[in-house]
Amino acid sequence: MNTVERIVESYFRLCRCCFTYSDVKVVDGNNRQLDILAVSVVTGDQYLMRSEVQTPDPLRTLGSGGCG
């Protein structure tokens, strides 16, 4: 589990009072897995989260003016 997944999982567990389960393998899913499943213990609401980190393309920012 990466850092972003830990933050999202902790938010749902601590702030939304959810039972969470991470990195769930899909049966007969051809190497598929679910990042985070959560179920609220208060309301019974169910959540499925996919988290990822995106960084800006460093080559795109070089041609945007800069210093000079």
C-alpha atoms as a PDB file:
ATOM      1  CA  MET A   1       0.000   0.000   0.000  1.00  0.00           C
ATOM      2  CA  ASN A   2       1.477   3.355  -0.999  1.00  0.00           C
ATOM      3  CA  THR A   3       1.311   6.590   0.997  1.00  0.00           C
ATOM      4  CA  VAL A   4      -1.743   7.997  -0.784  1.00  0.00           C
ATOM      5  CA  GLU A   5      -3.664   4.766  -0.185  1.00  0.00           C
ATOM      6  CA  ARG A   6      -2.712   4.896   3.514  1.00  0.00           C
ATOM      7  CA  ILE A   7      -3.985   8.475   3.834  1.00  0.00           C
ATOM      8  CA  VAL A   8      -7.290   7.703   2.090  1.00  0.00           C
ATOM      9  CA  GLU A   9      -7.760   4.493   4.071  1.00  0.00           C
ATOM     10  CA  SER A  10      -7.019   6.272   7.370  1.00  0.00           C
ATOM     11  CA  TYR A  11      -9.461   9.077   6.544  1.00  0.00           C
ATOM     12  CA  PHE A  12     -12.313   6.643   5.921  1.00  0.00           C
ATOM     13  CA  ARG A  13     -11.437   4.557   8.972  1.00  0.00           C
ATOM     14  CA  LEU A  14     -10.936   7.414  11.453  1.00  0.00           C
ATOM     15  CA  CYS A  15     -13.135  10.259  10.151  1.00  0.00           C
ATOM     16  CA  ARG A  16     -16.022   8.384   8.541  1.00  0.00           C
ATOM     17  CA  CYS A  17     -16.152   5.436  11.009  1.00  0.00           C
ATOM     18  CA  CYS A  18     -15.725   2.837   8.278  1.00  0.00           C
ATOM     19  CA  PHE A  19     -14.438  -0.693   8.289  1.00  0.00           C
ATOM     20  CA  THR A  20     -11.764  -0.735   5.570  1.00  0.00           C
ATOM     21  CA  TYR A  21     -10.084  -3.507   3.618  1.00  0.00           C
ATOM     22  CA  SER A  22      -7.246  -2.766   1.207  1.00  0.00           C
ATOM     23  CA  ASP A  23      -5.563  -4.567  -1.699  1.00  0.00           C
ATOM     24  CA  VAL A  24      -8.429  -6.998  -2.318  1.00  0.00           C
ATOM     25  CA  LYS A  25      -7.677  -9.543  -5.030  1.00  0.00           C
ATOM     26  CA  VAL A  26     -10.541 -10.166  -7.480  1.00  0.00           C
ATOM     27  CA  VAL A  27     -11.343 -13.869  -7.793  1.00  0.00           C
ATOM     28  CA  ASP A  28     -10.903 -14.956 -11.434  1.00  0.00           C
ATOM     29  CA  GLY A  29     -10.055 -11.330 -12.202  1.00  0.00           C
ATOM     30  CA  ASN A  30      -6.926 -11.910 -14.307  1.00  0.00           C
ATOM     31  CA  ASN A  31      -4.517 -10.163 -11.855  1.00  0.00           C
ATOM     32  CA  ARG A  32      -7.019  -7.468 -10.892  1.00  0.00           C
ATOM     33  CA  GLN A  33      -7.320  -6.011  -7.435  1.00  0.00           C
ATOM     34  CA  LEU A  34      -9.316  -3.330  -5.639  1.00  0.00           C
ATOM     35  CA  ASP A  35      -7.357  -0.618  -3.830  1.00  0.00           C
ATOM     36  CA  ILE A  36      -9.648   0.114  -0.883  1.00  0.00           C
ATOM     37  CA  LEU A  37     -13.094  -1.132   0.124  1.00  0.00           C
ATOM     38  CA  ALA A  38     -14.898   0.632   2.972  1.00  0.00           C
ATOM     39  CA  VAL A  39     -18.231   0.101   4.723  1.00  0.00           C
ATOM     40  CA  SER A  40     -19.626   2.616   7.195  1.00  0.00           C
ATOM     41  CA  VAL A  41     -20.397   0.946  10.516  1.00  0.00           C
ATOM     42  CA  VAL A  42     -22.900   3.748  11.256  1.00  0.00           C
ATOM     43  CA  THR A  43     -24.952   4.026   8.034  1.00  0.00           C
ATOM     44  CA  GLY A  44     -23.985   0.897   6.091  1.00  0.00           C
ATOM     45  CA  ASP A  45     -22.829   2.992   3.099  1.00  0.00           C
ATOM     46  CA  GLN A  46     -20.306   1.196   0.897  1.00  0.00           C
ATOM     47  CA  TYR A  47     -17.318   2.777  -0.835  1.00  0.00           C
ATOM     48  CA  LEU A  48     -14.796   1.562  -3.397  1.00  0.00           C
ATOM     49  CA  MET A  49     -11.729   3.788  -3.797  1.00  0.00           C
ATOM     50  CA  ARG A  50      -9.013   3.912  -6.402  1.00  0.00           C
ATOM     51  CA  SER A  51      -6.100   6.165  -5.526  1.00  0.00           C
ATOM     52  CA  GLU A  52      -3.112   7.231  -7.579  1.00  0.00           C
ATOM     53  CA  VAL A  53      -0.423   9.880  -7.555  1.00  0.00           C
ATOM     54  CA  GLN A  54       0.086  12.140 -10.545  1.00  0.00           C
ATOM     55  CA  THR A  55       3.037  14.438 -10.990  1.00  0.00           C
ATOM     56  CA  PRO A  56       3.403  17.149 -13.606  1.00  0.00           C
ATOM     57  CA  ASP A  57       5.419  16.286 -16.695  1.00  0.00           C
ATOM     58  CA  PRO A  58       8.831  17.945 -16.117  1.00  0.00           C
ATOM     59  CA  LEU A  59       9.495  18.292 -19.866  1.00  0.00           C
ATOM     60  CA  ARG A  60       6.252  20.210 -20.398  1.00  0.00           C
ATOM     61  CA  THR A  61       7.186  22.829 -17.774  1.00  0.00           C
ATOM     62  CA  LEU A  62      10.592  23.529 -19.387  1.00  0.00           C
ATOM     63  CA  GLY A  63       9.048  25.238 -22.396  1.00  0.00           C
ATOM     64  CA  SER A  64       6.556  27.388 -20.472  1.00  0.00           C
ATOM     65  CA  GLY A  65       8.609  30.555 -20.169  1.00  0.00           C
ATOM     66  CA  GLY A  66      10.609  30.148 -16.974  1.00  0.00           C
ATOM     67  CA  CYS A  67      13.358  32.631 -16.052  1.00  0.00           C
ATOM     68  CA  GLY A  68      14.447  34.589 -18.987  1.00  0.00           C
END
